[in-house]
């Protein structure tokens, strides 16, 4: 150990002369140079391979600095980029899932609350066996009490087109709200969202209650008059009461009051109460006891002659022929149905389409109506549809 550390020889150990390659000095260097030359080795009878084995090792390789090549750096950066991209994609999908769950909770909460209200009240629908009024009052008032009524929502009028009821004075019938058309995944397929008015009667102790549902524009969203033409609206509930002995009076008729009510909510806020926002679709379809819809293309009725409608011999249900009016509404393939006297549908299909709140905010941020309509046309996947078939307790079986 002392010899290796350079502190001198150890007693009894080998001498430096025994290791000539470890000795220092000019003489030793000359001896090593002599032995490392090949001609000197030949002189001693050694082969060339011995010279190669005894050749001094170059120390140039040990002086080089170790490092990465450009290709190795590119590979490392590429791998890190892929890892970061994968992690970002996972976090992005997780964030989208959480946000979609929040949006669905908001939409489902309002949609289910509205549907529960509709189911509970439509189920309690009751007929009103009210007699006809005098024929002299037919042109100025309703001839009967309305039990159930559904038709396309009017835009700036109070009397639905197609229903044989005289509109209030100084009110001209106009077209309903434009239908919102949305593209589905397959380009030829579209979804036609419609908005209808719904009215029916319920009996509570000794009084009658008329309940109506109407989809109206939300005037609180914008500062100008563009809200009147918006396709995204709110669902309002209408309620009025009448005593049992005056349901046939035209001025106190609940159905007449619903039709006479102002079509815009800010004009008559006392009878309309908002129950859901972001509504783009609302339909109420009356069904018979076999589950068949009352469609003007399939089911015809025999309307009374004083109403000005032509008599029709194709009556599918003679018992309901004079008390059920199935008419073509102001738009093709849309039916307006009215049940009067003791007639009621057996079932009612309710469809409610609600747009996600985030999409509603984006839509109202677009000032141009045409651009807003094109924006909604591509948002079919953001509309949540609720549908329920409600049996009528007092309906025909």
Protein backbone atom coordinates (compact mmCIF):
# COMPACT_ATOMS: atom_id res chain seq x y z
CA UNK A 1 0.00 0.00 0.00
CA UNK A 2 2.93 2.32 0.74
CA UNK A 3 4.41 1.58 -2.66
CA UNK A 4 1.14 2.35 -4.37
CA UNK A 5 0.66 5.55 -2.45
CA UNK A 6 4.13 6.78 -3.36
CA UNK A 7 5.53 6.88 0.22
CA UNK A 8 8.48 4.57 -0.49
CA UNK A 9 9.30 0.87 -0.62
CA UNK A 10 8.26 -1.57 1.99
CA UNK A 11 10.91 -3.53 3.87
CA UNK A 12 11.31 -7.01 2.44
CA UNK A 13 9.21 -6.14 -0.58
CA UNK A 14 10.13 -5.87 -4.23
CA UNK A 15 12.58 -3.20 -5.27
CA UNK A 16 11.85 -0.59 -7.93
CA UNK A 17 14.44 -2.29 -10.15
CA UNK A 18 12.13 -5.25 -10.44
CA UNK A 19 9.55 -3.04 -12.18
CA UNK A 20 11.38 -1.11 -14.86
CA UNK A 21 8.13 0.36 -16.29
CA UNK A 22 7.51 2.11 -12.97
CA UNK A 23 10.88 3.72 -12.76
CA UNK A 24 11.37 7.36 -13.65
CA UNK A 25 14.18 9.30 -15.16
CA UNK A 26 15.88 9.79 -18.54
CA UNK A 27 17.55 6.42 -18.51
CA UNK A 28 14.31 4.63 -17.83
CA UNK A 29 12.53 6.58 -20.57
CA UNK A 30 15.24 5.72 -23.07
CA UNK A 31 15.00 2.06 -22.11
CA UNK A 32 11.25 2.05 -22.62
CA UNK A 33 11.65 3.78 -25.97
CA UNK A 34 14.23 1.26 -27.04
CA UNK A 35 12.06 -1.69 -26.10
CA UNK A 36 8.99 -0.25 -27.80
CA UNK A 37 10.65 0.04 -31.20
CA UNK A 38 10.00 -2.89 -33.53
CA UNK A 39 13.53 -3.04 -34.97
CA UNK A 40 14.93 -3.47 -31.50
CA UNK A 41 12.48 -6.26 -30.82
CA UNK A 42 13.63 -8.04 -33.98
CA UNK A 43 17.12 -7.75 -32.69
CA UNK A 44 16.11 -9.69 -29.61
CA UNK A 45 14.14 -12.22 -31.71
CA UNK A 46 10.69 -10.97 -30.75
CA UNK A 47 7.77 -10.91 -33.15
CA UNK A 48 5.80 -7.91 -34.38
CA UNK A 49 2.73 -8.92 -32.37
CA UNK A 50 4.66 -8.49 -29.16
CA UNK A 51 5.38 -4.91 -30.16
CA UNK A 52 1.72 -4.32 -30.81
CA UNK A 53 0.82 -5.70 -27.43
CA UNK A 54 3.46 -3.61 -25.72
CA UNK A 55 2.64 -0.42 -27.64
CA UNK A 56 1.67 2.45 -25.39
CA UNK A 57 -2.05 3.18 -25.11
CA UNK A 58 -3.14 6.55 -26.43
CA UNK A 59 -4.84 8.80 -23.90
CA UNK A 60 -6.67 10.94 -26.47
CA UNK A 61 -9.99 9.08 -26.06
CA UNK A 62 -9.97 9.66 -22.33
CA UNK A 63 -9.67 13.38 -22.87
CA UNK A 64 -12.99 13.59 -24.85
CA UNK A 65 -16.06 15.14 -23.09
CA UNK A 66 -19.11 12.81 -22.77
CA UNK A 67 -22.59 14.19 -24.05
CA UNK A 68 -25.84 13.53 -26.03
CA UNK A 69 -26.15 13.61 -29.77
CA UNK A 70 -28.74 15.72 -31.60
CA UNK A 71 -30.81 12.64 -32.43
CA UNK A 72 -30.93 11.61 -28.79
CA UNK A 73 -32.09 15.10 -27.82
CA UNK A 74 -34.80 15.06 -30.50
CA UNK A 75 -36.03 11.66 -29.34
CA UNK A 76 -36.16 12.81 -25.72
CA UNK A 77 -38.04 15.99 -26.61
CA UNK A 78 -40.50 14.01 -28.77
CA UNK A 79 -41.22 11.55 -25.97
CA UNK A 80 -41.78 14.38 -23.49
CA UNK A 81 -44.09 16.14 -25.96
CA UNK A 82 -46.16 12.98 -26.40
CA UNK A 83 -46.44 12.53 -22.64
CA UNK A 84 -47.53 16.14 -22.14
CA UNK A 85 -50.08 15.87 -24.97
CA UNK A 86 -51.57 12.67 -23.57
CA UNK A 87 -51.86 14.17 -20.10
CA UNK A 88 -53.45 17.32 -21.49
CA UNK A 89 -55.96 15.26 -23.48
CA UNK A 90 -56.90 13.26 -20.40
CA UNK A 91 -57.36 16.38 -18.29
CA UNK A 92 -59.33 18.05 -21.09
CA UNK A 93 -61.70 15.11 -21.42
CA UNK A 94 -62.13 15.00 -17.66
CA UNK A 95 -62.93 18.69 -17.58
CA UNK A 96 -65.44 18.32 -20.42
CA UNK A 97 -67.11 15.43 -18.63
CA UNK A 98 -67.42 17.43 -15.42
CA UNK A 99 -68.80 20.47 -17.24
CA UNK A 100 -71.26 18.37 -19.22
CA UNK A 101 -72.44 16.76 -16.00
CA UNK A 102 -73.00 20.20 -14.49
CA UNK A 103 -74.92 21.33 -17.58
CA UNK A 104 -77.01 18.17 -17.59
CA UNK A 105 -77.81 18.60 -13.92
CA UNK A 106 -79.02 22.15 -14.56
CA UNK A 107 -81.11 21.14 -17.57
CA UNK A 108 -82.45 17.94 -16.05
CA UNK A 109 -83.41 19.71 -12.85
CA UNK A 110 -85.50 22.37 -14.60
CA UNK A 111 -86.88 19.92 -17.16
CA UNK A 112 -87.94 17.36 -14.58
CA UNK A 113 -89.52 20.02 -12.40
CA UNK A 114 -91.56 21.31 -15.35
CA UNK A 115 -92.56 17.80 -16.40
CA UNK A 116 -93.62 16.86 -12.89
CA UNK A 117 -95.82 19.94 -12.76
CA UNK A 118 -97.35 19.10 -16.14
CA UNK A 119 -97.92 15.46 -15.23
CA UNK A 120 -99.58 16.27 -11.94
CA UNK A 121 -101.95 18.87 -13.40
CA UNK A 122 -102.76 17.23 -16.74
CA UNK A 123 -103.66 14.01 -14.95
CA UNK A 124 -106.36 15.88 -12.99
CA UNK A 125 -108.07 17.18 -16.13
CA UNK A 126 -111.87 17.19 -15.78
CA UNK A 127 -114.76 17.64 -18.24
CA UNK A 128 -117.24 20.47 -17.89
CA UNK A 129 -120.75 19.40 -18.93
CA UNK A 130 -121.84 22.92 -19.81
CA UNK A 131 -124.83 23.37 -22.13
CA UNK A 132 -124.72 25.43 -25.29
CA UNK A 133 -125.63 29.07 -25.09
CA UNK A 134 -128.28 30.67 -27.22
CA UNK A 135 -127.62 30.63 -30.95
CA UNK A 136 -127.92 34.43 -31.05
CA UNK A 137 -124.80 34.68 -28.88
CA UNK A 138 -122.82 32.25 -31.02
CA UNK A 139 -121.04 34.88 -33.09
CA UNK A 140 -119.98 36.98 -30.12
CA UNK A 141 -119.01 34.39 -27.55
CA UNK A 142 -117.93 30.83 -27.16
CA UNK A 143 -120.66 28.30 -27.75
CA UNK A 144 -119.35 25.89 -25.14
CA UNK A 145 -116.84 25.32 -22.42
CA UNK A 146 -113.37 24.16 -23.46
CA UNK A 147 -112.02 21.10 -21.63
CA UNK A 148 -108.79 20.63 -23.56
CA UNK A 149 -107.12 22.66 -26.29
CA UNK A 150 -103.72 22.52 -28.04
CA UNK A 151 -102.59 24.54 -31.04
CA UNK A 152 -99.54 26.35 -32.42
CA UNK A 153 -98.53 29.28 -30.27
CA UNK A 154 -99.48 32.63 -31.79
CA UNK A 155 -96.88 35.34 -32.15
CA UNK A 156 -98.89 38.57 -32.07
CA UNK A 157 -102.47 37.41 -31.84
CA UNK A 158 -104.85 35.97 -29.28
CA UNK A 159 -106.94 33.59 -31.34
CA UNK A 160 -105.37 30.48 -32.86
CA UNK A 161 -105.65 29.99 -36.58
CA UNK A 162 -107.89 27.11 -37.62
CA UNK A 163 -109.93 26.84 -34.43
CA UNK A 164 -113.52 27.90 -35.22
CA UNK A 165 -113.75 30.50 -32.49
CA UNK A 166 -114.38 34.18 -33.16
CA UNK A 167 -111.27 36.21 -32.28
CA UNK A 168 -111.59 39.19 -29.96
CA UNK A 169 -112.34 42.54 -31.58
CA UNK A 170 -109.56 44.39 -33.40
CA UNK A 171 -107.29 41.33 -33.45
CA UNK A 172 -106.24 39.97 -36.81
CA UNK A 173 -104.92 36.41 -37.05
CA UNK A 174 -101.24 36.15 -37.96
CA UNK A 175 -98.72 33.41 -38.52
CA UNK A 176 -97.36 31.54 -35.48
CA UNK A 177 -93.80 31.58 -34.30
CA UNK A 178 -91.35 30.29 -36.94
CA UNK A 179 -90.31 26.70 -36.44
CA UNK A 180 -86.73 26.09 -35.33
CA UNK A 181 -85.09 23.57 -37.67
CA UNK A 182 -81.95 21.78 -36.49
CA UNK A 183 -79.60 19.48 -38.39
CA UNK A 184 -79.05 15.98 -37.05
CA UNK A 185 -75.93 13.85 -37.48
CA UNK A 186 -77.03 12.61 -40.89
CA UNK A 187 -77.26 15.67 -43.20
CA UNK A 188 -80.63 14.84 -44.84
CA UNK A 189 -82.29 14.40 -41.45
CA UNK A 190 -83.55 17.43 -39.55
CA UNK A 191 -85.59 18.02 -36.43
CA UNK A 192 -88.50 20.42 -36.58
CA UNK A 193 -89.07 22.05 -33.19
CA UNK A 194 -92.56 23.42 -32.73
CA UNK A 195 -94.15 25.44 -29.96
CA UNK A 196 -97.78 24.92 -28.95
CA UNK A 197 -100.21 26.36 -26.45
CA UNK A 198 -101.89 23.99 -24.02
CA UNK A 199 -105.07 24.60 -22.03
CA UNK A 200 -107.29 22.33 -19.94
CA UNK A 201 -109.80 22.47 -17.10
CA UNK A 202 -109.63 20.96 -13.62
CA UNK A 203 -112.35 20.71 -11.00
CA UNK A 204 -111.55 21.62 -7.40
CA UNK A 205 -114.38 21.38 -4.88
CA UNK A 206 -117.03 23.88 -6.06
CA UNK A 207 -114.88 25.86 -8.47
CA UNK A 208 -113.30 25.30 -11.85
CA UNK A 209 -109.71 26.11 -12.57
CA UNK A 210 -108.41 26.78 -16.06
CA UNK A 211 -104.70 26.02 -16.50
CA UNK A 212 -102.70 26.92 -19.56
CA UNK A 213 -99.09 26.64 -20.67
CA UNK A 214 -97.62 29.00 -23.22
CA UNK A 215 -94.07 29.46 -24.53
CA UNK A 216 -93.23 33.17 -24.70
CA UNK A 217 -90.11 35.18 -25.55
CA UNK A 218 -87.98 36.32 -22.65
CA UNK A 219 -87.98 40.13 -22.72
CA UNK A 220 -85.35 40.34 -19.96
CA UNK A 221 -82.55 38.96 -22.15
CA UNK A 222 -82.04 41.92 -24.51
CA UNK A 223 -82.38 45.69 -24.37
CA UNK A 224 -84.03 46.07 -27.79
CA UNK A 225 -87.09 44.55 -29.46
CA UNK A 226 -85.17 41.63 -30.97
CA UNK A 227 -86.34 39.38 -28.13
CA UNK A 228 -89.76 39.14 -29.81
CA UNK A 229 -88.25 37.13 -32.69
CA UNK A 230 -85.97 34.90 -30.64
CA UNK A 231 -86.34 31.12 -31.03
CA UNK A 232 -85.21 30.35 -27.47
CA UNK A 233 -88.04 31.24 -25.13
CA UNK A 234 -89.47 30.46 -21.69
CA UNK A 235 -92.38 28.28 -20.60
CA UNK A 236 -95.08 30.13 -18.65
CA UNK A 237 -98.02 28.81 -16.68
CA UNK A 238 -101.42 30.49 -16.80
CA UNK A 239 -104.17 30.03 -14.23
CA UNK A 240 -107.64 31.43 -13.81
CA UNK A 241 -110.64 30.37 -11.73
CA UNK A 242 -114.38 30.40 -12.28
CA UNK A 243 -117.33 29.55 -10.06
CA UNK A 244 -119.28 26.45 -10.90
CA UNK A 245 -122.44 28.28 -11.96
CA UNK A 246 -120.85 30.74 -14.39
CA UNK A 247 -118.58 28.55 -16.50
CA UNK A 248 -120.84 29.14 -19.52
CA UNK A 249 -120.62 32.91 -19.30
CA UNK A 250 -118.46 34.14 -22.13
CA UNK A 251 -116.85 36.91 -20.10
CA UNK A 252 -115.91 34.49 -17.29
CA UNK A 253 -115.00 31.50 -19.38
CA UNK A 254 -111.50 30.21 -18.43
CA UNK A 255 -110.73 29.07 -21.96
CA UNK A 256 -111.86 32.39 -23.35
CA UNK A 257 -109.72 34.16 -20.75
CA UNK A 258 -106.67 32.16 -21.80
CA UNK A 259 -107.13 33.07 -25.46
CA UNK A 260 -107.80 36.70 -24.61
CA UNK A 261 -104.68 36.92 -22.46
CA UNK A 262 -101.95 39.08 -23.88
CA UNK A 263 -99.52 37.05 -25.98
CA UNK A 264 -96.49 38.74 -24.40
CA UNK A 265 -95.71 38.27 -20.70
CA UNK A 266 -94.85 41.87 -19.83
CA UNK A 267 -98.41 42.99 -20.69
CA UNK A 268 -100.13 40.58 -18.35
CA UNK A 269 -97.71 39.48 -15.62
CA UNK A 270 -100.36 38.59 -13.06
CA UNK A 271 -101.65 35.42 -14.74
CA UNK A 272 -98.41 34.12 -16.26
CA UNK A 273 -95.68 32.56 -14.15
CA UNK A 274 -92.36 31.37 -15.54
CA UNK A 275 -91.47 27.75 -14.84
CA UNK A 276 -88.62 26.95 -17.29
CA UNK A 277 -86.04 28.80 -19.41
CA UNK A 278 -84.30 27.86 -22.64
CA UNK A 279 -87.35 26.17 -24.18
CA UNK A 280 -87.18 25.49 -27.93
CA UNK A 281 -89.81 22.76 -28.26
CA UNK A 282 -93.18 22.20 -26.58
CA UNK A 283 -95.91 19.96 -27.96
CA UNK A 284 -99.08 18.43 -26.51
CA UNK A 285 -100.69 15.62 -28.53
CA UNK A 286 -104.11 14.23 -27.67
CA UNK A 287 -104.53 10.44 -27.97
CA UNK A 288 -107.58 8.18 -27.93
CA UNK A 289 -108.04 5.11 -25.74
CA UNK A 290 -106.01 2.99 -28.18
CA UNK A 291 -103.07 5.38 -28.15
CA UNK A 292 -103.79 6.82 -31.59
CA UNK A 293 -103.19 10.56 -32.05
CA UNK A 294 -105.99 12.87 -33.08
CA UNK A 295 -104.56 13.90 -36.44
CA UNK A 296 -106.41 16.02 -38.98
CA UNK A 297 -105.05 13.77 -41.75
CA UNK A 298 -106.57 10.65 -40.18
CA UNK A 299 -109.42 11.60 -37.85
CA UNK A 300 -112.30 13.78 -38.98
CA UNK A 301 -115.13 15.19 -36.91
CA UNK A 302 -118.62 16.41 -37.56
CA UNK A 303 -118.58 20.06 -36.53
CA UNK A 304 -121.92 21.86 -35.97
CA UNK A 305 -123.26 23.76 -38.95
CA UNK A 306 -123.38 27.19 -37.18
CA UNK A 307 -119.58 27.13 -36.92
CA UNK A 308 -119.26 27.35 -40.68
CA UNK A 309 -117.38 24.07 -41.07
CA UNK A 310 -118.43 21.57 -43.72
CA UNK A 311 -120.09 18.42 -42.48
CA UNK A 312 -117.88 15.36 -42.73
CA UNK A 313 -119.16 11.83 -43.00
CA UNK A 314 -115.81 10.22 -42.12
CA UNK A 315 -116.23 10.08 -38.37
CA UNK A 316 -114.10 7.53 -36.53
CA UNK A 317 -115.65 8.10 -33.13
CA UNK A 318 -119.38 8.90 -33.34
CA UNK A 319 -119.66 9.57 -29.62
CA UNK A 320 -117.09 12.34 -29.88
CA UNK A 321 -118.14 13.59 -33.28
CA UNK A 322 -119.86 16.74 -32.02
CA UNK A 323 -117.56 17.43 -29.06
CA UNK A 324 -114.07 16.97 -30.54
CA UNK A 325 -112.62 19.28 -33.15
CA UNK A 326 -109.55 18.06 -35.00
CA UNK A 327 -108.45 20.75 -37.42
CA UNK A 328 -105.51 21.58 -39.59
CA UNK A 329 -103.44 24.30 -37.94
CA UNK A 330 -101.75 27.23 -39.66
CA UNK A 331 -98.77 25.06 -40.67
CA UNK A 332 -98.80 21.85 -42.67
CA UNK A 333 -98.84 18.57 -40.75
CA UNK A 334 -99.74 20.37 -37.52
CA UNK A 335 -103.05 19.63 -35.81
CA UNK A 336 -105.16 21.81 -33.56
CA UNK A 337 -107.42 19.85 -31.20
CA UNK A 338 -110.28 21.10 -29.04
CA UNK A 339 -112.38 18.98 -26.64
CA UNK A 340 -115.62 20.49 -25.37
CA UNK A 341 -118.68 19.52 -23.33
CA UNK A 342 -118.00 16.10 -21.74
CA UNK A 343 -115.21 15.03 -24.10
CA UNK A 344 -111.64 14.45 -22.97
CA UNK A 345 -108.66 12.69 -24.52
CA UNK A 346 -107.63 9.36 -23.04
CA UNK A 347 -103.92 10.21 -23.06
CA UNK A 348 -101.82 13.29 -23.66
CA UNK A 349 -98.25 13.14 -24.93
CA UNK A 350 -96.12 16.01 -23.61
CA UNK A 351 -92.81 16.86 -25.30
CA UNK A 352 -90.48 19.47 -23.85
CA UNK A 353 -87.13 20.48 -25.37
CA UNK A 354 -84.72 22.58 -23.28
CA UNK A 355 -81.43 24.03 -24.51
CA UNK A 356 -78.33 23.98 -22.30
CA UNK A 357 -77.78 27.24 -20.36
CA UNK A 358 -74.30 27.83 -21.79
CA UNK A 359 -75.62 27.60 -25.36
CA UNK A 360 -78.48 29.94 -24.46
CA UNK A 361 -76.01 32.57 -23.27
CA UNK A 362 -73.98 32.20 -26.45
CA UNK A 363 -77.13 32.52 -28.55
CA UNK A 364 -78.32 35.72 -26.88
CA UNK A 365 -74.82 37.19 -27.25
CA UNK A 366 -75.30 37.12 -31.05
CA UNK A 367 -77.03 40.38 -32.03
CA UNK A 368 -78.04 39.32 -35.55
CA UNK A 369 -81.15 37.12 -35.66
CA UNK A 370 -80.14 35.26 -38.83
CA UNK A 371 -76.73 34.41 -37.43
CA UNK A 372 -78.36 33.30 -34.19
CA UNK A 373 -80.72 31.01 -36.11
CA UNK A 374 -77.79 29.45 -37.98
CA UNK A 375 -76.01 28.97 -34.66
CA UNK A 376 -79.01 27.15 -33.19
CA UNK A 377 -79.35 25.02 -36.30
CA UNK A 378 -76.08 23.29 -35.41
CA UNK A 379 -76.88 22.81 -31.71
CA UNK A 380 -79.22 19.84 -31.95
CA UNK A 381 -77.00 17.83 -29.60
CA UNK A 382 -77.41 20.50 -26.90
CA UNK A 383 -81.20 20.14 -26.75
CA UNK A 384 -82.49 17.82 -24.02
CA UNK A 385 -85.89 16.31 -24.84
CA UNK A 386 -88.37 15.22 -22.18
CA UNK A 387 -91.39 13.15 -23.16
CA UNK A 388 -94.16 11.63 -21.11
CA UNK A 389 -97.47 9.98 -21.95
CA UNK A 390 -99.96 11.03 -19.30
CA UNK A 391 -103.16 9.03 -18.76
CA UNK A 392 -106.23 11.14 -18.10
CA UNK A 393 -108.13 9.92 -15.08
CA UNK A 394 -111.51 11.13 -16.37
CA UNK A 395 -110.75 10.40 -20.04
CA UNK A 396 -112.60 8.06 -22.34
CA UNK A 397 -111.71 4.37 -21.89
